[in-house]
Amino acid sequence: MVAEAAGVSLPTVSKVLNGRGDVAAATRQRVQDVLKDLGYVPQPGRRTVGPARVVDLVFDDLVSPYSLEVLRGVTEAGVETGVDVVVGRLPESDDDDWARRLSLAGREGLIVVTSELTRAQVEGFARAGLPLVVIDPLNLPRVEVTSVGATNWNGGVSATEHLLQLGHRRIAYAGGPVQASCSQARQHGYRAALENAGVTVDPRLILHGAFGYPDGLEMGGRLLDLPEPPTAVFAASDATALGVMEAARRRGLRVPEDLSVVGFDDTMLAELATPALTTVRQPLQDMGRVALRTLMRLAAGETLDSHHVELATNLVVRDSTTNLRGAP
């Protein structure tokens, strides 16, 4: 029926269904349009016929140091397991045909990194029988979505406790997006450490923005322009921390003598910064490797013990933090 409606041969339809590359783009589109009109959904667990297994890896930001570390982990695991990785950007939220297109292309599944998925997109993958794994998601529209992250709460605690041990009490949090679960967990850890030390949490010292340099610069400026500015800042990412450090420099402040700064991620930015950035290391490459291997387990029909995997964080002390002046 599909071959007749599309005006092609049965082998051509088979090639399209199995993601073969030796089909003209116009012909492939014609077959896919017919399949869509007929309501075709591939059977869960269908494998790409041929030597290659392929997964998609999508980011909200393809050029950040964070993304590059995760990309390295996913692709290295792909080489080890014989899986090809196609890298791209998250499509528009109203793209309700995304899962079907990937199914028709013979993909094994999808890994989504630090992006916000809609419930419709998640449900589309469930209907198509395509496994989905998310890394540091901004949201989880369904609790059963498989995710990989780090011990963000513990990281927030360790960063804040380090600053407390140096004598700081006015410690700010320059966070990520309000809806980002990883940033929320880091903030909860920050608050827990302050409360355990008997330090009142000042809501004026908690700001939110994107995980990037421009927002770090903006948040740093707002914090340092307060009548009682912080003596230390815990930033939700390394890029955010560098923005805070630049805001301090523009105001004639020195890091760490006048302002201690802690980041989160331990990307290459941390060591390249001046001064080198004290930061919470999350194993980004390992997170990518775990995500790829978890996705392939799901594609093989395995049942996971848990929908969420957390890898350990640890504090890396460098040169951007020091004792508060006058502290004992």
C-alpha atoms as a PDB file:
ATOM      1  CA  MET A   1       0.000   0.000   0.000  1.00  0.00           C
ATOM      2  CA  VAL A   2       2.779   2.451   0.951  1.00  0.00           C
ATOM      3  CA  ALA A   3       4.837   1.651  -2.142  1.00  0.00           C
ATOM      4  CA  GLU A   4       1.832   2.049  -4.428  1.00  0.00           C
ATOM      5  CA  ALA A   5       0.716   5.350  -2.857  1.00  0.00           C
ATOM      6  CA  ALA A   6       4.235   6.785  -3.054  1.00  0.00           C
ATOM      7  CA  GLY A   7       4.885   5.456  -6.551  1.00  0.00           C
ATOM      8  CA  VAL A   8       8.035   3.583  -5.540  1.00  0.00           C
ATOM      9  CA  SER A   9       9.160  -0.005  -5.169  1.00  0.00           C
ATOM     10  CA  LEU A  10       8.905  -2.091  -1.995  1.00  0.00           C
ATOM     11  CA  PRO A  11      12.728  -2.150  -1.601  1.00  0.00           C
ATOM     12  CA  THR A  12      12.713   1.653  -1.638  1.00  0.00           C
ATOM     13  CA  VAL A  13      10.137   1.766   1.157  1.00  0.00           C
ATOM     14  CA  SER A  14      12.264  -0.711   3.093  1.00  0.00           C
ATOM     15  CA  LYS A  15      15.333   1.486   2.661  1.00  0.00           C
ATOM     16  CA  VAL A  16      13.467   4.509   3.994  1.00  0.00           C
ATOM     17  CA  LEU A  17      12.125   2.568   6.981  1.00  0.00           C
ATOM     18  CA  ASN A  18      15.604   1.316   7.823  1.00  0.00           C
ATOM     19  CA  GLY A  19      17.324   4.689   7.475  1.00  0.00           C
ATOM     20  CA  ARG A  20      19.419   3.754   4.464  1.00  0.00           C
ATOM     21  CA  GLY A  21      21.233   6.656   2.834  1.00  0.00           C
ATOM     22  CA  ASP A  22      20.942   5.481  -0.799  1.00  0.00           C
ATOM     23  CA  VAL A  23      17.517   7.077  -1.404  1.00  0.00           C
ATOM     24  CA  ALA A  24      16.997  10.437  -3.096  1.00  0.00           C
ATOM     25  CA  ALA A  25      15.837  13.167  -0.725  1.00  0.00           C
ATOM     26  CA  ALA A  26      12.645  13.852  -2.678  1.00  0.00           C
ATOM     27  CA  THR A  27      11.775  10.158  -2.805  1.00  0.00           C
ATOM     28  CA  ARG A  28      12.475   9.722   0.897  1.00  0.00           C
ATOM     29  CA  GLN A  29      10.219  12.678   1.700  1.00  0.00           C
ATOM     30  CA  ARG A  30       7.422  11.291  -0.493  1.00  0.00           C
ATOM     31  CA  VAL A  31       7.555   7.929   1.278  1.00  0.00           C
ATOM     32  CA  GLN A  32       7.657   9.587   4.709  1.00  0.00           C
ATOM     33  CA  ASP A  33       4.644  11.737   3.819  1.00  0.00           C
ATOM     34  CA  VAL A  34       2.668   8.627   2.826  1.00  0.00           C
ATOM     35  CA  LEU A  35       3.702   6.847   6.022  1.00  0.00           C
ATOM     36  CA  LYS A  36       2.582   9.834   8.056  1.00  0.00           C
ATOM     37  CA  ASP A  37      -0.758  10.026   6.242  1.00  0.00           C
ATOM     38  CA  LEU A  38      -1.323   6.339   6.930  1.00  0.00           C
ATOM     39  CA  GLY A  39      -0.511   6.786  10.626  1.00  0.00           C
ATOM     40  CA  TYR A  40       2.483   4.447  10.519  1.00  0.00           C
ATOM     41  CA  VAL A  41       4.443   4.082  13.783  1.00  0.00           C
ATOM     42  CA  PRO A  42       7.527   1.813  13.793  1.00  0.00           C
ATOM     43  CA  GLN A  43       7.455  -1.160  16.138  1.00  0.00           C
ATOM     44  CA  PRO A  44       9.313  -0.518  19.411  1.00  0.00           C
ATOM     45  CA  GLY A  45      12.787  -1.993  19.425  1.00  0.00           C
ATOM     46  CA  ARG A  46      13.114  -1.965  15.614  1.00  0.00           C
ATOM     47  CA  ARG A  47      16.764  -1.883  14.670  1.00  0.00           C
ATOM     48  CA  THR A  48      18.460  -0.156  11.800  1.00  0.00           C
ATOM     49  CA  VAL A  49      19.306  -2.745   9.161  1.00  0.00           C
ATOM     50  CA  GLY A  50      22.946  -2.478   8.205  1.00  0.00           C
ATOM     51  CA  PRO A  51      26.287  -2.016   9.903  1.00  0.00           C
ATOM     52  CA  ALA A  52      25.522   1.229  11.752  1.00  0.00           C
ATOM     53  CA  ARG A  53      23.393   1.968  14.767  1.00  0.00           C
ATOM     54  CA  VAL A  54      22.645   5.672  15.133  1.00  0.00           C
ATOM     55  CA  VAL A  55      21.460   7.877  17.996  1.00  0.00           C
ATOM     56  CA  ASP A  56      20.687  11.587  18.038  1.00  0.00           C
ATOM     57  CA  LEU A  57      22.299  13.947  20.551  1.00  0.00           C
ATOM     58  CA  VAL A  58      20.730  17.399  20.857  1.00  0.00           C
ATOM     59  CA  PHE A  59      21.786  20.487  22.817  1.00  0.00           C
ATOM     60  CA  ASP A  60      20.381  23.887  23.600  1.00  0.00           C
ATOM     61  CA  ASP A  61      23.913  25.280  23.155  1.00  0.00           C
ATOM     62  CA  LEU A  62      26.416  23.525  20.908  1.00  0.00           C
ATOM     63  CA  VAL A  63      29.445  25.719  21.595  1.00  0.00           C
ATOM     64  CA  SER A  64      29.699  25.928  25.389  1.00  0.00           C
ATOM     65  CA  PRO A  65      32.582  24.172  27.197  1.00  0.00           C
ATOM     66  CA  TYR A  66      29.953  22.184  29.111  1.00  0.00           C
ATOM     67  CA  SER A  67      28.440  20.867  25.867  1.00  0.00           C
ATOM     68  CA  LEU A  68      31.836  19.977  24.430  1.00  0.00           C
ATOM     69  CA  GLU A  69      32.700  17.865  27.478  1.00  0.00           C
ATOM     70  CA  VAL A  70      29.394  15.994  27.327  1.00  0.00           C
ATOM     71  CA  LEU A  71      29.767  15.553  23.559  1.00  0.00           C
ATOM     72  CA  ARG A  72      33.186  14.020  24.043  1.00  0.00           C
ATOM     73  CA  GLY A  73      31.834  11.518  26.553  1.00  0.00           C
ATOM     74  CA  VAL A  74      28.893  10.491  24.357  1.00  0.00           C
ATOM     75  CA  THR A  75      30.969  10.094  21.195  1.00  0.00           C
ATOM     76  CA  GLU A  76      33.723   8.153  22.975  1.00  0.00           C
ATOM     77  CA  ALA A  77      31.112   5.750  24.343  1.00  0.00           C
ATOM     78  CA  GLY A  78      29.664   5.536  20.832  1.00  0.00           C
ATOM     79  CA  VAL A  79      33.011   4.461  19.422  1.00  0.00           C
ATOM     80  CA  GLU A  80      33.374   1.873  22.178  1.00  0.00           C
ATOM     81  CA  THR A  81      29.918   0.401  21.521  1.00  0.00           C
ATOM     82  CA  GLY A  82      29.796   0.765  17.740  1.00  0.00           C
ATOM     83  CA  VAL A  83      27.139   3.481  17.718  1.00  0.00           C
ATOM     84  CA  ASP A  84      27.178   6.559  15.467  1.00  0.00           C
ATOM     85  CA  VAL A  85      26.123   9.876  17.008  1.00  0.00           C
ATOM     86  CA  VAL A  86      24.278  12.592  15.078  1.00  0.00           C
ATOM     87  CA  VAL A  87      24.560  15.992  16.794  1.00  0.00           C
ATOM     88  CA  GLY A  88      21.983  18.755  16.485  1.00  0.00           C
ATOM     89  CA  ARG A  89      19.882  21.436  18.145  1.00  0.00           C
ATOM     90  CA  LEU A  90      16.557  21.000  19.896  1.00  0.00           C
ATOM     91  CA  PRO A  91      13.699  21.644  17.427  1.00  0.00           C
ATOM     92  CA  GLU A  92      10.853  24.055  18.051  1.00  0.00           C
ATOM     93  CA  SER A  93       8.522  23.048  20.869  1.00  0.00           C
ATOM     94  CA  ASP A  94       5.534  22.800  18.497  1.00  0.00           C
ATOM     95  CA  ASP A  95       7.299  20.292  16.244  1.00  0.00           C
ATOM     96  CA  ASP A  96       5.006  17.315  16.856  1.00  0.00           C
ATOM     97  CA  ASP A  97       6.601  15.212  14.117  1.00  0.00           C
ATOM     98  CA  TRP A  98      10.081  15.050  15.610  1.00  0.00           C
ATOM     99  CA  ALA A  99       9.836  11.552  17.102  1.00  0.00           C
ATOM    100  CA  ARG A 100       8.255  10.123  13.956  1.00  0.00           C
ATOM    101  CA  ARG A 101      11.032  11.527  11.749  1.00  0.00           C
ATOM    102  CA  LEU A 102      13.704   9.969  13.936  1.00  0.00           C
ATOM    103  CA  SER A 103      11.839   6.656  13.925  1.00  0.00           C
ATOM    104  CA  LEU A 104      11.583   6.667  10.155  1.00  0.00           C
ATOM    105  CA  ALA A 105      15.297   7.454   9.943  1.00  0.00           C
ATOM    106  CA  GLY A 106      16.026   4.297  11.948  1.00  0.00           C
ATOM    107  CA  ARG A 107      17.415   6.001  15.049  1.00  0.00           C
ATOM    108  CA  GLU A 108      18.010   3.891  18.154  1.00  0.00           C
ATOM    109  CA  GLY A 109      16.997   6.739  20.452  1.00  0.00           C
ATOM    110  CA  LEU A 110      17.716  10.274  21.594  1.00  0.00           C
ATOM    111  CA  ILE A 111      19.894  12.017  24.194  1.00  0.00           C
ATOM    112  CA  VAL A 112      18.851  15.552  25.139  1.00  0.00           C
ATOM    113  CA  VAL A 113      21.276  17.831  27.029  1.00  0.00           C
ATOM    114  CA  THR A 114      20.273  20.785  29.278  1.00  0.00           C
ATOM    115  CA  SER A 115      17.146  21.489  27.269  1.00  0.00           C
ATOM    116  CA  GLU A 116      13.484  21.987  28.083  1.00  0.00           C
ATOM    117  CA  LEU A 117      11.202  19.306  26.652  1.00  0.00           C
ATOM    118  CA  THR A 118       7.462  19.654  26.312  1.00  0.00           C
ATOM    119  CA  ARG A 119       5.082  16.957  27.480  1.00  0.00           C
ATOM    120  CA  ALA A 120       3.949  16.535  23.862  1.00  0.00           C
ATOM    121  CA  GLN A 121       7.521  15.837  22.738  1.00  0.00           C
ATOM    122  CA  VAL A 122       8.086  13.290  25.500  1.00  0.00           C
ATOM    123  CA  GLU A 123       4.804  11.572  24.767  1.00  0.00           C
ATOM    124  CA  GLY A 124       5.670  11.518  21.067  1.00  0.00           C
ATOM    125  CA  PHE A 125       8.786   9.491  21.794  1.00  0.00           C
ATOM    126  CA  ALA A 126       6.813   7.138  24.019  1.00  0.00           C
ATOM    127  CA  ARG A 127       4.270   6.544  21.228  1.00  0.00           C
ATOM    128  CA  ALA A 128       7.040   5.963  18.694  1.00  0.00           C
ATOM    129  CA  GLY A 129       8.776   3.489  21.022  1.00  0.00           C
ATOM    130  CA  LEU A 130      12.004   5.500  20.887  1.00  0.00           C
ATOM    131  CA  PRO A 131      14.144   5.518  24.040  1.00  0.00           C
ATOM    132  CA  LEU A 132      14.902   8.956  25.513  1.00  0.00           C
ATOM    133  CA  VAL A 133      17.619   9.938  27.997  1.00  0.00           C
ATOM    134  CA  VAL A 134      18.105  13.489  29.269  1.00  0.00           C
ATOM    135  CA  ILE A 135      21.235  15.021  30.825  1.00  0.00           C
ATOM    136  CA  ASP A 136      20.782  17.872  33.352  1.00  0.00           C
ATOM    137  CA  PRO A 137      17.247  18.580  32.126  1.00  0.00           C
ATOM    138  CA  LEU A 138      15.682  22.000  32.620  1.00  0.00           C
ATOM    139  CA  ASN A 139      12.438  20.203  33.367  1.00  0.00           C
ATOM    140  CA  LEU A 140      10.998  16.708  33.553  1.00  0.00           C
ATOM    141  CA  PRO A 141       7.463  16.713  32.142  1.00  0.00           C
ATOM    142  CA  ARG A 142       7.114  13.041  33.100  1.00  0.00           C
ATOM    143  CA  VAL A 143       8.793  11.526  36.153  1.00  0.00           C
ATOM    144  CA  GLU A 144       9.499   8.273  34.330  1.00  0.00           C
ATOM    145  CA  VAL A 145      11.814   9.974  31.828  1.00  0.00           C
ATOM    146  CA  THR A 146      15.320   8.558  32.247  1.00  0.00           C
ATOM    147  CA  SER A 147      17.857  11.193  33.284  1.00  0.00           C
ATOM    148  CA  VAL A 148      21.565  11.454  34.075  1.00  0.00           C
ATOM    149  CA  GLY A 149      23.028  14.136  36.313  1.00  0.00           C
ATOM    150  CA  ALA A 150      25.456  14.821  39.124  1.00  0.00           C
ATOM    151  CA  THR A 151      25.078  15.227  42.882  1.00  0.00           C
ATOM    152  CA  ASN A 152      24.076  18.876  42.519  1.00  0.00           C
ATOM    153  CA  TRP A 153      22.817  19.283  46.094  1.00  0.00           C
ATOM    154  CA  ASN A 154      26.055  17.929  47.530  1.00  0.00           C
ATOM    155  CA  GLY A 155      27.992  20.192  45.182  1.00  0.00           C
ATOM    156  CA  GLY A 156      26.071  23.219  46.418  1.00  0.00           C
ATOM    157  CA  VAL A 157      26.788  22.229  49.999  1.00  0.00           C
ATOM    158  CA  SER A 158      30.519  21.711  49.429  1.00  0.00           C
ATOM    159  CA  ALA A 159      30.928  25.026  47.553  1.00  0.00           C
ATOM    160  CA  THR A 160      29.155  26.997  50.259  1.00  0.00           C
ATOM    161  CA  GLU A 161      30.851  25.196  53.153  1.00  0.00           C
ATOM    162  CA  HIS A 162      34.228  26.007  51.573  1.00  0.00           C
ATOM    163  CA  LEU A 163      33.375  29.718  51.588  1.00  0.00           C
ATOM    164  CA  LEU A 164      32.022  29.513  55.143  1.00  0.00           C
ATOM    165  CA  GLN A 165      35.248  27.884  56.302  1.00  0.00           C
ATOM    166  CA  LEU A 166      37.133  30.847  54.836  1.00  0.00           C
ATOM    167  CA  GLY A 167      35.145  33.168  57.082  1.00  0.00           C
ATOM    168  CA  HIS A 168      32.580  34.445  54.578  1.00  0.00           C
ATOM    169  CA  ARG A 169      29.015  35.041  55.737  1.00  0.00           C
ATOM    170  CA  ARG A 170      27.529  37.239  53.007  1.00  0.00           C
ATOM    171  CA  ILE A 171      27.622  34.580  50.308  1.00  0.00           C
ATOM    172  CA  ALA A 172      25.556  35.087  47.155  1.00  0.00           C
ATOM    173  CA  TYR A 173      24.165  32.511  44.740  1.00  0.00           C
ATOM    174  CA  ALA A 174      24.276  33.404  41.035  1.00  0.00           C
ATOM    175  CA  GLY A 175      22.036  30.616  39.788  1.00  0.00           C
ATOM    176  CA  GLY A 176      20.810  29.168  36.537  1.00  0.00           C
ATOM    177  CA  PRO A 177      17.248  29.325  35.180  1.00  0.00           C
ATOM    178  CA  VAL A 178      14.606  29.124  37.896  1.00  0.00           C
ATOM    179  CA  GLN A 179      13.005  26.053  36.289  1.00  0.00           C
ATOM    180  CA  ALA A 180      16.302  24.147  35.910  1.00  0.00           C
ATOM    181  CA  SER A 181      16.247  21.205  38.330  1.00  0.00           C
ATOM    182  CA  CYS A 182      20.061  21.075  38.563  1.00  0.00           C
ATOM    183  CA  SER A 183      20.231  24.768  39.527  1.00  0.00           C
ATOM    184  CA  GLN A 184      17.437  24.294  42.050  1.00  0.00           C
ATOM    185  CA  ALA A 185      19.358  21.437  43.672  1.00  0.00           C
ATOM    186  CA  ARG A 186      22.547  23.538  43.832  1.00  0.00           C
ATOM    187  CA  GLN A 187      20.595  26.370  45.439  1.00  0.00           C
ATOM    188  CA  HIS A 188      19.048  23.994  47.978  1.00  0.00           C
ATOM    189  CA  GLY A 189      22.550  22.795  48.872  1.00  0.00           C
ATOM    190  CA  TYR A 190      23.710  26.416  49.230  1.00  0.00           C
ATOM    191  CA  ARG A 191      20.805  27.230  51.528  1.00  0.00           C
ATOM    192  CA  ALA A 192      21.300  24.067  53.571  1.00  0.00           C
ATOM    193  CA  ALA A 193      24.971  24.867  54.204  1.00  0.00           C
ATOM    194  CA  LEU A 194      24.150  28.420  55.300  1.00  0.00           C
ATOM    195  CA  GLU A 195      21.353  27.280  57.593  1.00  0.00           C
ATOM    196  CA  ASN A 196      23.521  24.553  59.128  1.00  0.00           C
ATOM    197  CA  ALA A 197      26.120  27.223  59.909  1.00  0.00           C
ATOM    198  CA  GLY A 198      23.502  29.463  61.530  1.00  0.00           C
ATOM    199  CA  VAL A 199      23.713  32.064  58.751  1.00  0.00           C
ATOM    200  CA  THR A 200      20.445  33.732  57.755  1.00  0.00           C
ATOM    201  CA  VAL A 201      19.713  33.385  54.055  1.00  0.00           C
ATOM    202  CA  ASP A 202      19.363  36.847  52.493  1.00  0.00           C
ATOM    203  CA  PRO A 203      16.969  36.608  49.501  1.00  0.00           C
ATOM    204  CA  ARG A 204      18.635  39.663  47.931  1.00  0.00           C
ATOM    205  CA  LEU A 205      21.758  37.542  47.457  1.00  0.00           C
ATOM    206  CA  ILE A 206      19.988  34.904  45.336  1.00  0.00           C
ATOM    207  CA  LEU A 207      19.669  35.659  41.617  1.00  0.00           C
ATOM    208  CA  HIS A 208      18.850  33.575  38.550  1.00  0.00           C
ATOM    209  CA  GLY A 209      19.830  33.727  34.888  1.00  0.00           C
ATOM    210  CA  ALA A 210      21.024  31.591  32.028  1.00  0.00           C
ATOM    211  CA  PHE A 211      24.071  29.355  32.489  1.00  0.00           C
ATOM    212  CA  GLY A 212      26.403  31.747  30.697  1.00  0.00           C
ATOM    213  CA  TYR A 213      28.911  34.575  30.856  1.00  0.00           C
ATOM    214  CA  PRO A 214      26.530  37.453  29.957  1.00  0.00           C
ATOM    215  CA  ASP A 215      24.081  36.530  32.713  1.00  0.00           C
ATOM    216  CA  GLY A 216      26.948  36.049  35.157  1.00  0.00           C
ATOM    217  CA  LEU A 217      28.198  39.534  34.291  1.00  0.00           C
ATOM    218  CA  GLU A 218      24.726  40.997  34.816  1.00  0.00           C
ATOM    219  CA  MET A 219      24.059  39.132  38.070  1.00  0.00           C
ATOM    220  CA  GLY A 220      27.535  39.956  39.371  1.00  0.00           C
ATOM    221  CA  GLY A 221      26.922  43.633  38.742  1.00  0.00           C
ATOM    222  CA  ARG A 222      23.593  43.590  40.563  1.00  0.00           C
ATOM    223  CA  LEU A 223      25.095  41.794  43.548  1.00  0.00           C
ATOM    224  CA  LEU A 224      28.169  44.020  43.805  1.00  0.00           C
ATOM    225  CA  ASP A 225      26.078  47.195  43.523  1.00  0.00           C
ATOM    226  CA  LEU A 226      24.010  46.295  46.583  1.00  0.00           C
ATOM    227  CA  PRO A 227      24.405  48.591  49.620  1.00  0.00           C
ATOM    228  CA  GLU A 228      25.837  45.557  51.429  1.00  0.00           C
ATOM    229  CA  PRO A 229      27.454  43.495  48.663  1.00  0.00           C
ATOM    230  CA  PRO A 230      28.519  39.884  49.169  1.00  0.00           C
ATOM    231  CA  THR A 231      32.095  39.005  50.008  1.00  0.00           C
ATOM    232  CA  ALA A 232      31.768  35.714  48.093  1.00  0.00           C
ATOM    233  CA  VAL A 233      29.673  34.332  45.238  1.00  0.00           C
ATOM    234  CA  PHE A 234      28.791  30.743  44.433  1.00  0.00           C
ATOM    235  CA  ALA A 235      27.929  30.598  40.729  1.00  0.00           C
ATOM    236  CA  ALA A 236      25.879  27.793  39.156  1.00  0.00           C
ATOM    237  CA  SER A 237      28.341  27.310  36.283  1.00  0.00           C
ATOM    238  CA  ASP A 238      31.936  28.135  35.383  1.00  0.00           C
ATOM    239  CA  ALA A 239      30.794  30.513  32.639  1.00  0.00           C
ATOM    240  CA  THR A 240      28.541  32.309  35.109  1.00  0.00           C
ATOM    241  CA  ALA A 241      31.451  32.571  37.566  1.00  0.00           C
ATOM    242  CA  LEU A 242      33.671  34.180  34.930  1.00  0.00           C
ATOM    243  CA  GLY A 243      30.973  36.764  34.296  1.00  0.00           C
ATOM    244  CA  VAL A 244      30.855  37.537  38.015  1.00  0.00           C
ATOM    245  CA  MET A 245      34.637  37.901  38.086  1.00  0.00           C
ATOM    246  CA  GLU A 246      34.509  40.372  35.196  1.00  0.00           C
ATOM    247  CA  ALA A 247      31.805  42.376  36.981  1.00  0.00           C
ATOM    248  CA  ALA A 248      34.159  42.612  39.967  1.00  0.00           C
ATOM    249  CA  ARG A 249      37.075  43.702  37.782  1.00  0.00           C
ATOM    250  CA  ARG A 250      35.002  46.474  36.201  1.00  0.00           C
ATOM    251  CA  ARG A 251      34.315  47.828  39.690  1.00  0.00           C
ATOM    252  CA  GLY A 252      37.956  47.837  40.669  1.00  0.00           C
ATOM    253  CA  LEU A 253      37.609  44.762  42.872  1.00  0.00           C
ATOM    254  CA  ARG A 254      40.176  41.979  42.976  1.00  0.00           C
ATOM    255  CA  VAL A 255      39.460  38.249  43.000  1.00  0.00           C
ATOM    256  CA  PRO A 256      40.007  36.721  45.508  1.00  0.00           C
ATOM    257  CA  GLU A 257      41.269  39.569  47.733  1.00  0.00           C
ATOM    258  CA  ASP A 258      38.003  41.539  47.556  1.00  0.00           C
ATOM    259  CA  LEU A 259      35.623  38.855  46.332  1.00  0.00           C
ATOM    260  CA  SER A 260      35.880  35.066  46.451  1.00  0.00           C
ATOM    261  CA  VAL A 261      34.182  33.178  43.607  1.00  0.00           C
ATOM    262  CA  VAL A 262      33.277  29.498  43.236  1.00  0.00           C
ATOM    263  CA  GLY A 263      31.938  27.985  40.005  1.00  0.00           C
ATOM    264  CA  PHE A 264      30.339  24.700  39.037  1.00  0.00           C
ATOM    265  CA  ASP A 265      31.288  22.200  36.270  1.00  0.00           C
ATOM    266  CA  ASP A 266      35.115  22.299  36.153  1.00  0.00           C
ATOM    267  CA  THR A 267      35.287  22.835  32.404  1.00  0.00           C
ATOM    268  CA  MET A 268      38.465  24.027  30.699  1.00  0.00           C
ATOM    269  CA  LEU A 269      37.381  27.580  31.552  1.00  0.00           C
ATOM    270  CA  ALA A 270      38.183  26.984  35.211  1.00  0.00           C
ATOM    271  CA  GLU A 271      41.893  26.385  34.678  1.00  0.00           C
ATOM    272  CA  LEU A 272      42.200  29.077  31.986  1.00  0.00           C
ATOM    273  CA  ALA A 273      40.617  31.781  34.149  1.00  0.00           C
ATOM    274  CA  THR A 274      42.738  34.428  35.872  1.00  0.00           C
ATOM    275  CA  PRO A 275      42.883  33.651  38.713  1.00  0.00           C
ATOM    276  CA  ALA A 276      42.231  29.950  38.203  1.00  0.00           C
ATOM    277  CA  LEU A 277      38.693  29.187  39.313  1.00  0.00           C
ATOM    278  CA  THR A 278      37.769  27.215  42.399  1.00  0.00           C
ATOM    279  CA  THR A 279      34.841  25.097  41.263  1.00  0.00           C
ATOM    280  CA  VAL A 280      32.700  22.041  41.862  1.00  0.00           C
ATOM    281  CA  ARG A 281      33.674  19.344  39.407  1.00  0.00           C
ATOM    282  CA  GLN A 282      30.914  17.304  37.848  1.00  0.00           C
ATOM    283  CA  PRO A 283      32.134  14.427  35.641  1.00  0.00           C
ATOM    284  CA  LEU A 284      30.664  15.700  32.372  1.00  0.00           C
ATOM    285  CA  GLN A 285      32.399  13.184  30.113  1.00  0.00           C
ATOM    286  CA  ASP A 286      31.313  10.319  32.347  1.00  0.00           C
ATOM    287  CA  MET A 287      27.761  11.678  32.311  1.00  0.00           C
ATOM    288  CA  GLY A 288      27.834  11.533  28.519  1.00  0.00           C
ATOM    289  CA  ARG A 289      29.180   7.986  28.544  1.00  0.00           C
ATOM    290  CA  VAL A 290      26.549   6.820  31.023  1.00  0.00           C
ATOM    291  CA  ALA A 291      23.788   8.474  28.992  1.00  0.00           C
ATOM    292  CA  LEU A 292      24.815   6.685  25.782  1.00  0.00           C
ATOM    293  CA  ARG A 293      25.147   3.292  27.462  1.00  0.00           C
ATOM    294  CA  THR A 294      21.832   3.747  29.280  1.00  0.00           C
ATOM    295  CA  LEU A 295      20.115   4.660  26.018  1.00  0.00           C
ATOM    296  CA  MET A 296      21.437   1.521  24.338  1.00  0.00           C
ATOM    297  CA  ARG A 297      20.180  -0.601  27.249  1.00  0.00           C
ATOM    298  CA  LEU A 298      16.742   0.896  26.774  1.00  0.00           C
ATOM    299  CA  ALA A 299      16.942   0.289  23.016  1.00  0.00           C
ATOM    300  CA  ALA A 300      17.723  -3.355  23.760  1.00  0.00           C
ATOM    301  CA  GLY A 301      14.545  -3.619  25.820  1.00  0.00           C
ATOM    302  CA  GLU A 302      16.261  -3.815  29.210  1.00  0.00           C
ATOM    303  CA  THR A 303      14.525  -2.636  32.381  1.00  0.00           C
ATOM    304  CA  LEU A 304      16.487  -0.100  34.405  1.00  0.00           C
ATOM    305  CA  ASP A 305      16.757  -0.207  38.181  1.00  0.00           C
ATOM    306  CA  SER A 306      16.273   3.568  38.389  1.00  0.00           C
ATOM    307  CA  HIS A 307      15.020   6.350  36.123  1.00  0.00           C
ATOM    308  CA  HIS A 308      17.688   8.721  37.446  1.00  0.00           C
ATOM    309  CA  VAL A 309      21.461   8.297  37.728  1.00  0.00           C
ATOM    310  CA  GLU A 310      23.628  10.724  39.714  1.00  0.00           C
ATOM    311  CA  LEU A 311      27.430  10.804  39.484  1.00  0.00           C
ATOM    312  CA  ALA A 312      29.536  12.216  42.299  1.00  0.00           C
ATOM    313  CA  THR A 313      30.793  15.811  42.397  1.00  0.00           C
ATOM    314  CA  ASN A 314      33.849  17.122  44.237  1.00  0.00           C
ATOM    315  CA  LEU A 315      35.251  20.542  45.060  1.00  0.00           C
ATOM    316  CA  VAL A 316      38.444  21.600  43.244  1.00  0.00           C
ATOM    317  CA  VAL A 317      40.164  24.441  45.121  1.00  0.00           C
ATOM    318  CA  ARG A 318      42.249  26.825  43.011  1.00  0.00           C
ATOM    319  CA  ASP A 319      43.027  30.525  43.294  1.00  0.00           C
ATOM    320  CA  SER A 320      39.686  32.387  43.166  1.00  0.00           C
ATOM    321  CA  THR A 321      38.848  31.947  46.869  1.00  0.00           C
ATOM    322  CA  THR A 322      40.631  33.092  50.008  1.00  0.00           C
ATOM    323  CA  ASN A 323      40.025  33.936  53.673  1.00  0.00           C
ATOM    324  CA  LEU A 324      37.762  36.887  54.358  1.00  0.00           C
ATOM    325  CA  ARG A 325      39.763  39.906  55.496  1.00  0.00           C
ATOM    326  CA  GLY A 326      39.748  40.110  59.253  1.00  0.00           C
ATOM    327  CA  ALA A 327      38.365  36.603  59.685  1.00  0.00           C
ATOM    328  CA  PRO A 328      40.093  34.496  62.355  1.00  0.00           C
END
